[in-house]
Amino acid sequence: MALTYLATIRLKPEHFGAACQAVAGIVARTRMEAGCERFDPHPAADGSAILYIYERWADRAAFEFHHAQPYTRAVFKSYEEWLAGPVALTELADGLE
């Protein structure tokens, strides 16, 4: 069963650029992972220091595999200094069609 999430990452403004660069640096590798169907980071349109990541995984194993990768763990390690609050991970239901 596929899993779809919207990650809301609230950052300290002084670290927003570095966080965006760090996430951009793992996009290609993440998209090549088995089970990754979508991994699309987006900055907030209002210019606030919020980064959203829309992601879809084939199953929980693919989602957990992604979070176990050294490049993903390195971004999370950097987040320890950069975050303005906890990352919110919202699970989305299948689209309305």
Foldseek 3Di string as FASTA:
>chain_A
DKWKKKKKFAWDVVCLVVLVVLLVVCQVVLCPQPFWPAWDWDADPVPHSIIIIITMGNDVVSVVVVCPDPSNVVSVVVSVVIGPDDMDMDIDDDDDD
